[in-house]
Amino acid sequence: MADSTPATVNAETPACLSQKQVLVIKIIALTVISLTLCFTYDWVSTRYYRPDYVAGFRTGLVEGALMPAALPGLMGGKDLPIFAPNNVGRGYKIGYILGLNTCGTFFYGVAFWQPRRRR
C-alpha cells in the first residue's frame, strides 16, 4: 500500500508588501477608478440627458453610481447634470440611491483594503 503522506511543494511564497507598496497600489487603483468613472460619466451624460428621455430604475442606478465622478468635471468648469429632472419618481430615486451607495462601497473598499499578512 502506498504511503499516505502528502507531497511537499517547494513553491516560494511571495513576500509581504511593505506599507509604501500598499499605499502606491491604493493610489494607483483609486486614480484609475476615478478616471474611469469620470470618462464614463461624461459619455453617459451626453446620451441620457435629453428632453424626451424619462429616466427609470436602471438609469437611476447608473447615474447614482457615476454621480461622484461628476466632481472633477464640475470643478473643471463643465456643467454636468447629476440628477435627471424627467424621471419616473420613486423607482428612479431608489435606483439612484442604490447606485450611489454601491459606488461608495466599491471606492472606499479599495481605499481601506489591507492585504492579508502571512504568519
PDB file of N, CA and C in Angstrom:
ATOM      1  N   MET A   1       0.835  -1.170   0.000  1.00  0.00           N
ATOM      2  CA  MET A   1       0.000   0.000   0.000  1.00  0.00           C
ATOM      3  C   MET A   1       0.884   1.239   0.000  1.00  0.00           C
ATOM      4  N   ALA A   2       0.446   2.255  -0.689  1.00  0.00           N
ATOM      5  CA  ALA A   2       1.240   3.478  -0.838  1.00  0.00           C
ATOM      6  C   ALA A   2       1.201   4.307   0.435  1.00  0.00           C
ATOM      7  N   ASP A   3       2.245   5.061   0.614  1.00  0.00           N
ATOM      8  CA  ASP A   3       2.339   5.942   1.768  1.00  0.00           C
ATOM      9  C   ASP A   3       1.328   7.080   1.616  1.00  0.00           C
ATOM     10  N   SER A   4       0.599   7.429   2.668  1.00  0.00           N
ATOM     11  CA  SER A   4      -0.459   8.438   2.562  1.00  0.00           C
ATOM     12  C   SER A   4      -0.026   9.827   3.002  1.00  0.00           C
ATOM     13  N   THR A   5       1.259  10.073   3.108  1.00  0.00           N
ATOM     14  CA  THR A   5       1.702  11.410   3.487  1.00  0.00           C
ATOM     15  C   THR A   5       1.675  12.318   2.275  1.00  0.00           C
ATOM     16  N   PRO A   6       1.216  13.551   2.435  1.00  0.00           N
ATOM     17  CA  PRO A   6       1.152  14.463   1.284  1.00  0.00           C
ATOM     18  C   PRO A   6       2.547  14.880   0.830  1.00  0.00           C
ATOM     19  N   ALA A   7       2.672  15.065  -0.465  1.00  0.00           N
ATOM     20  CA  ALA A   7       3.946  15.507  -1.030  1.00  0.00           C
ATOM     21  C   ALA A   7       4.156  16.976  -0.691  1.00  0.00           C
ATOM     22  N   THR A   8       5.372  17.335  -0.397  1.00  0.00           N
ATOM     23  CA  THR A   8       5.649  18.735  -0.089  1.00  0.00           C
ATOM     24  C   THR A   8       5.902  19.501  -1.373  1.00  0.00           C
ATOM     25  N   VAL A   9       5.405  20.701  -1.415  1.00  0.00           N
ATOM     26  CA  VAL A   9       5.570  21.563  -2.583  1.00  0.00           C
ATOM     27  C   VAL A   9       6.577  22.637  -2.219  1.00  0.00           C
ATOM     28  N   ASN A  10       7.563  22.825  -3.043  1.00  0.00           N
ATOM     29  CA  ASN A  10       8.613  23.806  -2.767  1.00  0.00           C
ATOM     30  C   ASN A  10       8.371  25.121  -3.493  1.00  0.00           C
ATOM     31  N   ALA A  11       7.139  25.556  -3.540  1.00  0.00           N
ATOM     32  CA  ALA A  11       6.836  26.825  -4.187  1.00  0.00           C
ATOM     33  C   ALA A  11       7.173  27.964  -3.233  1.00  0.00           C
ATOM     34  N   GLU A  12       7.772  28.988  -3.753  1.00  0.00           N
ATOM     35  CA  GLU A  12       8.125  30.141  -2.935  1.00  0.00           C
ATOM     36  C   GLU A  12       6.888  30.993  -2.698  1.00  0.00           C
ATOM     37  N   THR A  13       6.697  31.410  -1.477  1.00  0.00           N
ATOM     38  CA  THR A  13       5.580  32.295  -1.185  1.00  0.00           C
ATOM     39  C   THR A  13       6.037  33.731  -1.389  1.00  0.00           C
ATOM     40  N   PRO A  14       5.174  34.567  -1.963  1.00  0.00           N
ATOM     41  CA  PRO A  14       5.568  35.961  -2.187  1.00  0.00           C
ATOM     42  C   PRO A  14       5.757  36.687  -0.864  1.00  0.00           C
ATOM     43  N   ALA A  15       6.708  37.577  -0.850  1.00  0.00           N
ATOM     44  CA  ALA A  15       6.979  38.362   0.349  1.00  0.00           C
ATOM     45  C   ALA A  15       5.815  39.322   0.601  1.00  0.00           C
ATOM     46  N   CYS A  16       5.598  39.661   1.849  1.00  0.00           N
ATOM     47  CA  CYS A  16       4.538  40.614   2.195  1.00  0.00           C
ATOM     48  C   CYS A  16       4.877  41.979   1.614  1.00  0.00           C
ATOM     49  N   LEU A  17       3.847  42.694   1.232  1.00  0.00           N
ATOM     50  CA  LEU A  17       4.048  44.035   0.691  1.00  0.00           C
ATOM     51  C   LEU A  17       4.343  45.006   1.819  1.00  0.00           C
ATOM     52  N   SER A  18       5.226  45.943   1.562  1.00  0.00           N
ATOM     53  CA  SER A  18       5.503  46.970   2.560  1.00  0.00           C
ATOM     54  C   SER A  18       4.367  47.979   2.569  1.00  0.00           C
ATOM     55  N   GLN A  19       4.340  48.814   3.573  1.00  0.00           N
ATOM     56  CA  GLN A  19       3.283  49.821   3.665  1.00  0.00           C
ATOM     57  C   GLN A  19       3.361  50.809   2.508  1.00  0.00           C
ATOM     58  N   LYS A  20       4.553  51.143   2.067  1.00  0.00           N
ATOM     59  CA  LYS A  20       4.709  52.066   0.941  1.00  0.00           C
ATOM     60  C   LYS A  20       4.166  51.450  -0.338  1.00  0.00           C
ATOM     61  N   GLN A  21       4.427  50.159  -0.539  1.00  0.00           N
ATOM     62  CA  GLN A  21       3.928  49.489  -1.734  1.00  0.00           C
ATOM     63  C   GLN A  21       2.397  49.428  -1.726  1.00  0.00           C
ATOM     64  N   VAL A  22       1.815  49.140  -0.580  1.00  0.00           N
ATOM     65  CA  VAL A  22       0.354  49.109  -0.462  1.00  0.00           C
ATOM     66  C   VAL A  22      -0.225  50.489  -0.736  1.00  0.00           C
ATOM     67  N   LEU A  23       0.420  51.534  -0.206  1.00  0.00           N
ATOM     68  CA  LEU A  23      -0.045  52.904  -0.436  1.00  0.00           C
ATOM     69  C   LEU A  23       0.014  53.267  -1.921  1.00  0.00           C
ATOM     70  N   VAL A  24       1.088  52.901  -2.591  1.00  0.00           N
ATOM     71  CA  VAL A  24       1.224  53.181  -4.019  1.00  0.00           C
ATOM     72  C   VAL A  24       0.157  52.427  -4.811  1.00  0.00           C
ATOM     73  N   ILE A  25      -0.079  51.173  -4.454  1.00  0.00           N
ATOM     74  CA  ILE A  25      -1.111  50.385  -5.145  1.00  0.00           C
ATOM     75  C   ILE A  25      -2.477  51.018  -4.950  1.00  0.00           C
ATOM     76  N   LYS A  26      -2.779  51.461  -3.736  1.00  0.00           N
ATOM     77  CA  LYS A  26      -4.071  52.102  -3.466  1.00  0.00           C
ATOM     78  C   LYS A  26      -4.228  53.394  -4.263  1.00  0.00           C
ATOM     79  N   ILE A  27      -3.183  54.202  -4.298  1.00  0.00           N
ATOM     80  CA  ILE A  27      -3.255  55.470  -5.040  1.00  0.00           C
ATOM     81  C   ILE A  27      -3.486  55.205  -6.514  1.00  0.00           C
ATOM     82  N   ILE A  28      -2.773  54.250  -7.074  1.00  0.00           N
ATOM     83  CA  ILE A  28      -2.947  53.917  -8.492  1.00  0.00           C
ATOM     84  C   ILE A  28      -4.353  53.386  -8.747  1.00  0.00           C
ATOM     85  N   ALA A  29      -4.832  52.480  -7.886  1.00  0.00           N
ATOM     86  CA  ALA A  29      -6.168  51.906  -8.066  1.00  0.00           C
ATOM     87  C   ALA A  29      -7.249  52.978  -7.969  1.00  0.00           C
ATOM     88  N   LEU A  30      -7.158  53.858  -6.987  1.00  0.00           N
ATOM     89  CA  LEU A  30      -8.166  54.906  -6.831  1.00  0.00           C
ATOM     90  C   LEU A  30      -8.119  55.910  -7.976  1.00  0.00           C
ATOM     91  N   THR A  31      -6.934  56.195  -8.496  1.00  0.00           N
ATOM     92  CA  THR A  31      -6.815  57.095  -9.642  1.00  0.00           C
ATOM     93  C   THR A  31      -7.451  56.471 -10.880  1.00  0.00           C
ATOM     94  N   VAL A  32      -7.183  55.205 -11.111  1.00  0.00           N
ATOM     95  CA  VAL A  32      -7.763  54.512 -12.268  1.00  0.00           C
ATOM     96  C   VAL A  32      -9.287  54.455 -12.149  1.00  0.00           C
ATOM     97  N   ILE A  33      -9.793  54.120 -10.952  1.00  0.00           N
ATOM     98  CA  ILE A  33     -11.243  54.079 -10.739  1.00  0.00           C
ATOM     99  C   ILE A  33     -11.854  55.454 -10.965  1.00  0.00           C
ATOM    100  N   SER A  34     -11.237  56.495 -10.428  1.00  0.00           N
ATOM    101  CA  SER A  34     -11.770  57.856 -10.576  1.00  0.00           C
ATOM    102  C   SER A  34     -11.787  58.297 -12.038  1.00  0.00           C
ATOM    103  N   LEU A  35     -10.703  58.051 -12.744  1.00  0.00           N
ATOM    104  CA  LEU A  35     -10.659  58.439 -14.162  1.00  0.00           C
ATOM    105  C   LEU A  35     -11.671  57.655 -14.988  1.00  0.00           C
ATOM    106  N   THR A  36     -11.812  56.372 -14.701  1.00  0.00           N
ATOM    107  CA  THR A  36     -12.795  55.562 -15.415  1.00  0.00           C
ATOM    108  C   THR A  36     -14.202  56.087 -15.171  1.00  0.00           C
ATOM    109  N   LEU A  37     -14.523  56.378 -13.914  1.00  0.00           N
ATOM    110  CA  LEU A  37     -15.842  56.928 -13.604  1.00  0.00           C
ATOM    111  C   LEU A  37     -16.058  58.281 -14.270  1.00  0.00           C
ATOM    112  N   CYS A  38     -15.034  59.119 -14.283  1.00  0.00           N
ATOM    113  CA  CYS A  38     -15.145  60.451 -14.875  1.00  0.00           C
ATOM    114  C   CYS A  38     -15.436  60.372 -16.369  1.00  0.00           C
ATOM    115  N   PHE A  39     -14.659  59.564 -17.088  1.00  0.00           N
ATOM    116  CA  PHE A  39     -14.877  59.441 -18.532  1.00  0.00           C
ATOM    117  C   PHE A  39     -16.203  58.756 -18.838  1.00  0.00           C
ATOM    118  N   THR A  40     -16.584  57.778 -18.037  1.00  0.00           N
ATOM    119  CA  THR A  40     -17.866  57.109 -18.242  1.00  0.00           C
ATOM    120  C   THR A  40     -19.013  58.077 -18.004  1.00  0.00           C
ATOM    121  N   TYR A  41     -18.915  58.900 -16.969  1.00  0.00           N
ATOM    122  CA  TYR A  41     -19.964  59.864 -16.679  1.00  0.00           C
ATOM    123  C   TYR A  41     -20.123  60.863 -17.825  1.00  0.00           C
ATOM    124  N   ASP A  42     -19.020  61.333 -18.359  1.00  0.00           N
ATOM    125  CA  ASP A  42     -19.082  62.270 -19.471  1.00  0.00           C
ATOM    126  C   ASP A  42     -19.741  61.621 -20.684  1.00  0.00           C
ATOM    127  N   TRP A  43     -19.439  60.360 -20.934  1.00  0.00           N
ATOM    128  CA  TRP A  43     -20.020  59.644 -22.072  1.00  0.00           C
ATOM    129  C   TRP A  43     -21.514  59.408 -21.858  1.00  0.00           C
ATOM    130  N   VAL A  44     -21.901  58.993 -20.643  1.00  0.00           N
ATOM    131  CA  VAL A  44     -23.302  58.693 -20.357  1.00  0.00           C
ATOM    132  C   VAL A  44     -24.153  59.958 -20.349  1.00  0.00           C
ATOM    133  N   SER A  45     -23.637  61.043 -19.817  1.00  0.00           N
ATOM    134  CA  SER A  45     -24.448  62.257 -19.679  1.00  0.00           C
ATOM    135  C   SER A  45     -24.873  62.828 -21.022  1.00  0.00           C
ATOM    136  N   THR A  46     -24.070  62.649 -22.052  1.00  0.00           N
ATOM    137  CA  THR A  46     -24.455  63.169 -23.375  1.00  0.00           C
ATOM    138  C   THR A  46     -25.526  62.318 -24.031  1.00  0.00           C
ATOM    139  N   ARG A  47     -25.699  61.085 -23.590  1.00  0.00           N
ATOM    140  CA  ARG A  47     -26.672  60.203 -24.210  1.00  0.00           C
ATOM    141  C   ARG A  47     -28.008  60.127 -23.476  1.00  0.00           C
ATOM    142  N   TYR A  48     -28.015  60.321 -22.174  1.00  0.00           N
ATOM    143  CA  TYR A  48     -29.238  60.123 -21.406  1.00  0.00           C
ATOM    144  C   TYR A  48     -29.950  61.395 -20.986  1.00  0.00           C
ATOM    145  N   TYR A  49     -29.313  62.522 -21.040  1.00  0.00           N
ATOM    146  CA  TYR A  49     -29.969  63.757 -20.631  1.00  0.00           C
ATOM    147  C   TYR A  49     -30.518  64.487 -21.846  1.00  0.00           C
ATOM    148  N   ARG A  50     -31.592  63.944 -22.380  1.00  0.00           N
ATOM    149  CA  ARG A  50     -32.307  64.585 -23.478  1.00  0.00           C
ATOM    150  C   ARG A  50     -33.700  64.938 -22.977  1.00  0.00           C
ATOM    151  N   PRO A  51     -34.312  65.955 -23.526  1.00  0.00           N
ATOM    152  CA  PRO A  51     -35.617  66.397 -23.009  1.00  0.00           C
ATOM    153  C   PRO A  51     -36.710  65.326 -23.088  1.00  0.00           C
ATOM    154  N   ASP A  52     -36.646  64.437 -24.065  1.00  0.00           N
ATOM    155  CA  ASP A  52     -37.710  63.449 -24.246  1.00  0.00           C
ATOM    156  C   ASP A  52     -37.459  62.142 -23.484  1.00  0.00           C
ATOM    157  N   TYR A  53     -36.336  62.008 -22.814  1.00  0.00           N
ATOM    158  CA  TYR A  53     -35.994  60.762 -22.131  1.00  0.00           C
ATOM    159  C   TYR A  53     -36.530  60.764 -20.705  1.00  0.00           C
ATOM    160  N   VAL A  54     -37.245  59.691 -20.334  1.00  0.00           N
ATOM    161  CA  VAL A  54     -37.758  59.532 -18.975  1.00  0.00           C
ATOM    162  C   VAL A  54     -36.890  58.487 -18.277  1.00  0.00           C
ATOM    163  N   ALA A  55     -36.205  58.911 -17.232  1.00  0.00           N
ATOM    164  CA  ALA A  55     -35.272  58.036 -16.531  1.00  0.00           C
ATOM    165  C   ALA A  55     -36.015  57.095 -15.596  1.00  0.00           C
ATOM    166  N   GLY A  56     -35.602  55.828 -15.607  1.00  0.00           N
ATOM    167  CA  GLY A  56     -36.206  54.812 -14.743  1.00  0.00           C
ATOM    168  C   GLY A  56     -35.211  54.286 -13.724  1.00  0.00           C
ATOM    169  N   PHE A  57     -35.507  53.096 -13.195  1.00  0.00           N
ATOM    170  CA  PHE A  57     -34.684  52.487 -12.145  1.00  0.00           C
ATOM    171  C   PHE A  57     -33.258  52.239 -12.617  1.00  0.00           C
ATOM    172  N   ARG A  58     -33.099  51.626 -13.790  1.00  0.00           N
ATOM    173  CA  ARG A  58     -31.751  51.322 -14.282  1.00  0.00           C
ATOM    174  C   ARG A  58     -30.939  52.580 -14.532  1.00  0.00           C
ATOM    175  N   THR A  59     -31.566  53.592 -15.075  1.00  0.00           N
ATOM    176  CA  THR A  59     -30.870  54.862 -15.287  1.00  0.00           C
ATOM    177  C   THR A  59     -30.476  55.476 -13.948  1.00  0.00           C
ATOM    178  N   GLY A  60     -31.339  55.346 -12.954  1.00  0.00           N
ATOM    179  CA  GLY A  60     -31.015  55.829 -11.618  1.00  0.00           C
ATOM    180  C   GLY A  60     -29.809  55.115 -11.036  1.00  0.00           C
ATOM    181  N   LEU A  61     -29.721  53.793 -11.251  1.00  0.00           N
ATOM    182  CA  LEU A  61     -28.553  53.037 -10.797  1.00  0.00           C
ATOM    183  C   LEU A  61     -27.275  53.569 -11.423  1.00  0.00           C
ATOM    184  N   VAL A  62     -27.312  53.757 -12.738  1.00  0.00           N
ATOM    185  CA  VAL A  62     -26.122  54.227 -13.454  1.00  0.00           C
ATOM    186  C   VAL A  62     -25.757  55.642 -13.015  1.00  0.00           C
ATOM    187  N   GLU A  63     -26.737  56.527 -12.949  1.00  0.00           N
ATOM    188  CA  GLU A  63     -26.463  57.909 -12.576  1.00  0.00           C
ATOM    189  C   GLU A  63     -26.002  58.023 -11.130  1.00  0.00           C
ATOM    190  N   GLY A  64     -26.555  57.217 -10.245  1.00  0.00           N
ATOM    191  CA  GLY A  64     -26.121  57.241  -8.853  1.00  0.00           C
ATOM    192  C   GLY A  64     -24.690  56.738  -8.707  1.00  0.00           C
ATOM    193  N   ALA A  65     -24.366  55.683  -9.450  1.00  0.00           N
ATOM    194  CA  ALA A  65     -23.016  55.131  -9.374  1.00  0.00           C
ATOM    195  C   ALA A  65     -21.993  56.093  -9.968  1.00  0.00           C
ATOM    196  N   LEU A  66     -22.390  56.857 -10.960  1.00  0.00           N
ATOM    197  CA  LEU A  66     -21.450  57.751 -11.626  1.00  0.00           C
ATOM    198  C   LEU A  66     -21.467  59.181 -11.083  1.00  0.00           C
ATOM    199  N   MET A  67     -22.403  59.492 -10.190  1.00  0.00           N
ATOM    200  CA  MET A  67     -22.509  60.857  -9.679  1.00  0.00           C
ATOM    201  C   MET A  67     -21.223  61.359  -9.016  1.00  0.00           C
ATOM    202  N   PRO A  68     -20.511  60.567  -8.197  1.00  0.00           N
ATOM    203  CA  PRO A  68     -19.266  61.083  -7.616  1.00  0.00           C
ATOM    204  C   PRO A  68     -18.224  61.441  -8.667  1.00  0.00           C
ATOM    205  N   ALA A  69     -18.325  60.843  -9.838  1.00  0.00           N
ATOM    206  CA  ALA A  69     -17.368  61.130 -10.904  1.00  0.00           C
ATOM    207  C   ALA A  69     -17.609  62.499 -11.529  1.00  0.00           C
ATOM    208  N   ALA A  70     -18.714  63.135 -11.223  1.00  0.00           N
ATOM    209  CA  ALA A  70     -19.002  64.454 -11.784  1.00  0.00           C
ATOM    210  C   ALA A  70     -18.180  65.545 -11.116  1.00  0.00           C
ATOM    211  N   LEU A  71     -17.666  65.298  -9.925  1.00  0.00           N
ATOM    212  CA  LEU A  71     -16.932  66.333  -9.193  1.00  0.00           C
ATOM    213  C   LEU A  71     -15.748  66.898  -9.972  1.00  0.00           C
ATOM    214  N   PRO A  72     -14.864  66.070 -10.535  1.00  0.00           N
ATOM    215  CA  PRO A  72     -13.747  66.660 -11.295  1.00  0.00           C
ATOM    216  C   PRO A  72     -14.209  67.498 -12.480  1.00  0.00           C
ATOM    217  N   GLY A  73     -15.253  67.048 -13.159  1.00  0.00           N
ATOM    218  CA  GLY A  73     -15.774  67.811 -14.285  1.00  0.00           C
ATOM    219  C   GLY A  73     -16.396  69.124 -13.857  1.00  0.00           C
ATOM    220  N   LEU A  74     -17.148  69.091 -12.758  1.00  0.00           N
ATOM    221  CA  LEU A  74     -17.751  70.314 -12.239  1.00  0.00           C
ATOM    222  C   LEU A  74     -16.688  71.307 -11.780  1.00  0.00           C
ATOM    223  N   MET A  75     -15.639  70.792 -11.140  1.00  0.00           N
ATOM    224  CA  MET A  75     -14.560  71.670 -10.704  1.00  0.00           C
ATOM    225  C   MET A  75     -13.748  72.195 -11.892  1.00  0.00           C
ATOM    226  N   GLY A  76     -13.767  71.442 -12.977  1.00  0.00           N
ATOM    227  CA  GLY A  76     -13.050  71.857 -14.179  1.00  0.00           C
ATOM    228  C   GLY A  76     -13.836  72.826 -15.052  1.00  0.00           C
ATOM    229  N   GLY A  77     -15.050  73.170 -14.660  1.00  0.00           N
ATOM    230  CA  GLY A  77     -15.806  74.169 -15.395  1.00  0.00           C
ATOM    231  C   GLY A  77     -16.947  73.628 -16.251  1.00  0.00           C
ATOM    232  N   LYS A  78     -17.092  72.313 -16.362  1.00  0.00           N
ATOM    233  CA  LYS A  78     -18.208  71.746 -17.125  1.00  0.00           C
ATOM    234  C   LYS A  78     -19.471  71.773 -16.278  1.00  0.00           C
ATOM    235  N   ASP A  79     -20.598  71.984 -16.921  1.00  0.00           N
ATOM    236  CA  ASP A  79     -21.877  71.966 -16.223  1.00  0.00           C
ATOM    237  C   ASP A  79     -22.520  70.602 -16.459  1.00  0.00           C
ATOM    238  N   LEU A  80     -22.111  69.601 -15.671  1.00  0.00           N
ATOM    239  CA  LEU A  80     -22.616  68.243 -15.833  1.00  0.00           C
ATOM    240  C   LEU A  80     -23.878  68.033 -15.013  1.00  0.00           C
ATOM    241  N   PRO A  81     -24.877  67.397 -15.594  1.00  0.00           N
ATOM    242  CA  PRO A  81     -26.072  67.080 -14.809  1.00  0.00           C
ATOM    243  C   PRO A  81     -25.783  65.900 -13.881  1.00  0.00           C
ATOM    244  N   ILE A  82     -26.339  65.928 -12.676  1.00  0.00           N
ATOM    245  CA  ILE A  82     -26.122  64.813 -11.749  1.00  0.00           C
ATOM    246  C   ILE A  82     -27.433  64.152 -11.336  1.00  0.00           C
ATOM    247  N   PHE A  83     -28.565  64.636 -11.810  1.00  0.00           N
ATOM    248  CA  PHE A  83     -29.865  64.082 -11.467  1.00  0.00           C
ATOM    249  C   PHE A  83     -30.805  64.360 -12.632  1.00  0.00           C
ATOM    250  N   ALA A  84     -31.516  63.346 -13.104  1.00  0.00           N
ATOM    251  CA  ALA A  84     -32.438  63.524 -14.236  1.00  0.00           C
ATOM    252  C   ALA A  84     -33.731  64.185 -13.757  1.00  0.00           C
ATOM    253  N   PRO A  85     -34.038  65.357 -14.254  1.00  0.00           N
ATOM    254  CA  PRO A  85     -35.263  66.026 -13.821  1.00  0.00           C
ATOM    255  C   PRO A  85     -36.523  65.322 -14.328  1.00  0.00           C
ATOM    256  N   ASN A  86     -36.415  64.642 -15.468  1.00  0.00           N
ATOM    257  CA  ASN A  86     -37.553  63.936 -16.046  1.00  0.00           C
ATOM    258  C   ASN A  86     -37.405  62.451 -15.721  1.00  0.00           C
ATOM    259  N   ASN A  87     -37.988  62.031 -14.581  1.00  0.00           N
ATOM    260  CA  ASN A  87     -37.849  60.637 -14.153  1.00  0.00           C
ATOM    261  C   ASN A  87     -39.195  60.065 -13.753  1.00  0.00           C
ATOM    262  N   VAL A  88     -39.208  58.746 -13.466  1.00  0.00           N
ATOM    263  CA  VAL A  88     -40.462  58.063 -13.143  1.00  0.00           C
ATOM    264  C   VAL A  88     -40.857  58.202 -11.676  1.00  0.00           C
ATOM    265  N   GLY A  89     -40.004  58.796 -10.869  1.00  0.00           N
ATOM    266  CA  GLY A  89     -40.352  59.014  -9.465  1.00  0.00           C
ATOM    267  C   GLY A  89     -39.591  58.113  -8.529  1.00  0.00           C
ATOM    268  N   ARG A  90     -40.350  57.389  -7.692  1.00  0.00           N
ATOM    269  CA  ARG A  90     -39.747  56.584  -6.640  1.00  0.00           C
ATOM    270  C   ARG A  90     -38.764  55.539  -7.177  1.00  0.00           C
ATOM    271  N   GLY A  91     -39.080  54.869  -8.251  1.00  0.00           N
ATOM    272  CA  GLY A  91     -38.189  53.852  -8.827  1.00  0.00           C
ATOM    273  C   GLY A  91     -36.841  54.442  -9.215  1.00  0.00           C
ATOM    274  N   TYR A  92     -36.856  55.599  -9.833  1.00  0.00           N
ATOM    275  CA  TYR A  92     -35.609  56.272 -10.216  1.00  0.00           C
ATOM    276  C   TYR A  92     -34.804  56.649  -8.972  1.00  0.00           C
ATOM    277  N   LYS A  93     -35.476  57.192  -7.971  1.00  0.00           N
ATOM    278  CA  LYS A  93     -34.777  57.635  -6.760  1.00  0.00           C
ATOM    279  C   LYS A  93     -34.173  56.464  -5.996  1.00  0.00           C
ATOM    280  N   ILE A  94     -34.878  55.334  -5.928  1.00  0.00           N
ATOM    281  CA  ILE A  94     -34.335  54.147  -5.269  1.00  0.00           C
ATOM    282  C   ILE A  94     -33.113  53.650  -6.034  1.00  0.00           C
ATOM    283  N   GLY A  95     -33.198  53.605  -7.359  1.00  0.00           N
ATOM    284  CA  GLY A  95     -32.047  53.215  -8.170  1.00  0.00           C
ATOM    285  C   GLY A  95     -30.875  54.154  -7.985  1.00  0.00           C
ATOM    286  N   TYR A  96     -31.149  55.439  -7.904  1.00  0.00           N
ATOM    287  CA  TYR A  96     -30.107  56.446  -7.717  1.00  0.00           C
ATOM    288  C   TYR A  96     -29.377  56.233  -6.387  1.00  0.00           C
ATOM    289  N   ILE A  97     -30.135  56.030  -5.328  1.00  0.00           N
ATOM    290  CA  ILE A  97     -29.541  55.822  -4.011  1.00  0.00           C
ATOM    291  C   ILE A  97     -28.741  54.519  -3.974  1.00  0.00           C
ATOM    292  N   LEU A  98     -29.280  53.437  -4.550  1.00  0.00           N
ATOM    293  CA  LEU A  98     -28.548  52.170  -4.582  1.00  0.00           C
ATOM    294  C   LEU A  98     -27.254  52.298  -5.387  1.00  0.00           C
ATOM    295  N   GLY A  99     -27.320  52.992  -6.502  1.00  0.00           N
ATOM    296  CA  GLY A  99     -26.117  53.197  -7.312  1.00  0.00           C
ATOM    297  C   GLY A  99     -25.071  54.019  -6.589  1.00  0.00           C
ATOM    298  N   LEU A 100     -25.505  55.053  -5.910  1.00  0.00           N
ATOM    299  CA  LEU A 100     -24.590  55.916  -5.152  1.00  0.00           C
ATOM    300  C   LEU A 100     -23.917  55.131  -4.028  1.00  0.00           C
ATOM    301  N   ASN A 101     -24.693  54.334  -3.304  1.00  0.00           N
ATOM    302  CA  ASN A 101     -24.126  53.537  -2.218  1.00  0.00           C
ATOM    303  C   ASN A 101     -23.200  52.442  -2.739  1.00  0.00           C
ATOM    304  N   THR A 102     -23.522  51.847  -3.863  1.00  0.00           N
ATOM    305  CA  THR A 102     -22.657  50.828  -4.460  1.00  0.00           C
ATOM    306  C   THR A 102     -21.323  51.428  -4.860  1.00  0.00           C
ATOM    307  N   CYS A 103     -21.359  52.596  -5.470  1.00  0.00           N
ATOM    308  CA  CYS A 103     -20.122  53.269  -5.866  1.00  0.00           C
ATOM    309  C   CYS A 103     -19.280  53.604  -4.646  1.00  0.00           C
ATOM    310  N   GLY A 104     -19.898  54.127  -3.610  1.00  0.00           N
ATOM    311  CA  GLY A 104     -19.171  54.471  -2.396  1.00  0.00           C
ATOM    312  C   GLY A 104     -18.565  53.254  -1.725  1.00  0.00           C
ATOM    313  N   THR A 105     -19.310  52.163  -1.701  1.00  0.00           N
ATOM    314  CA  THR A 105     -18.802  50.931  -1.101  1.00  0.00           C
ATOM    315  C   THR A 105     -17.599  50.415  -1.880  1.00  0.00           C
ATOM    316  N   PHE A 106     -17.694  50.424  -3.192  1.00  0.00           N
ATOM    317  CA  PHE A 106     -16.591  49.948  -4.025  1.00  0.00           C
ATOM    318  C   PHE A 106     -15.372  50.852  -3.875  1.00  0.00           C
ATOM    319  N   PHE A 107     -15.583  52.164  -3.963  1.00  0.00           N
ATOM    320  CA  PHE A 107     -14.477  53.109  -3.893  1.00  0.00           C
ATOM    321  C   PHE A 107     -13.777  53.047  -2.535  1.00  0.00           C
ATOM    322  N   TYR A 108     -14.554  53.087  -1.458  1.00  0.00           N
ATOM    323  CA  TYR A 108     -13.949  53.056  -0.132  1.00  0.00           C
ATOM    324  C   TYR A 108     -13.449  51.663   0.229  1.00  0.00           C
ATOM    325  N   GLY A 109     -14.015  50.631  -0.382  1.00  0.00           N
ATOM    326  CA  GLY A 109     -13.482  49.286  -0.187  1.00  0.00           C
ATOM    327  C   GLY A 109     -12.060  49.190  -0.697  1.00  0.00           C
ATOM    328  N   VAL A 110     -11.789  49.806  -1.836  1.00  0.00           N
ATOM    329  CA  VAL A 110     -10.430  49.830  -2.370  1.00  0.00           C
ATOM    330  C   VAL A 110      -9.543  50.720  -1.501  1.00  0.00           C
ATOM    331  N   ALA A 111     -10.077  51.835  -1.048  1.00  0.00           N
ATOM    332  CA  ALA A 111      -9.280  52.773  -0.258  1.00  0.00           C
ATOM    333  C   ALA A 111      -8.839  52.168   1.080  1.00  0.00           C
ATOM    334  N   PHE A 112      -9.701  51.378   1.695  1.00  0.00           N
ATOM    335  CA  PHE A 112      -9.380  50.828   3.009  1.00  0.00           C
ATOM    336  C   PHE A 112      -8.954  49.367   2.969  1.00  0.00           C
ATOM    337  N   TRP A 113      -8.708  48.840   1.787  1.00  0.00           N
ATOM    338  CA  TRP A 113      -8.278  47.449   1.635  1.00  0.00           C
ATOM    339  C   TRP A 113      -6.911  47.257   2.264  1.00  0.00           C
ATOM    340  N   GLN A 114      -6.774  46.173   2.979  1.00  0.00           N
ATOM    341  CA  GLN A 114      -5.482  45.822   3.567  1.00  0.00           C
ATOM    342  C   GLN A 114      -5.186  44.375   3.196  1.00  0.00           C
ATOM    343  N   PRO A 115      -4.024  44.136   2.620  1.00  0.00           N
ATOM    344  CA  PRO A 115      -3.694  42.757   2.253  1.00  0.00           C
ATOM    345  C   PRO A 115      -3.521  41.900   3.499  1.00  0.00           C
ATOM    346  N   ARG A 116      -3.814  40.622   3.338  1.00  0.00           N
ATOM    347  CA  ARG A 116      -3.643  39.696   4.454  1.00  0.00           C
ATOM    348  C   ARG A 116      -2.159  39.503   4.728  1.00  0.00           C
ATOM    349  N   ARG A 117      -1.844  39.422   5.961  1.00  0.00           N
ATOM    350  CA  ARG A 117      -0.463  39.189   6.353  1.00  0.00           C
ATOM    351  C   ARG A 117      -0.284  37.703   6.653  1.00  0.00           C
ATOM    352  N   ARG A 118       0.767  37.142   6.097  1.00  0.00           N
ATOM    353  CA  ARG A 118       1.056  35.722   6.358  1.00  0.00           C
ATOM    354  C   ARG A 118       1.806  35.596   7.668  1.00  0.00           C
ATOM    355  N   ARG A 119       1.550  34.544   8.353  1.00  0.00           N
ATOM    356  CA  ARG A 119       2.216  34.326   9.646  1.00  0.00           C
ATOM    357  C   ARG A 119       3.500  33.577   9.472  1.00  0.00           C
TER     358      ARG A 119
END
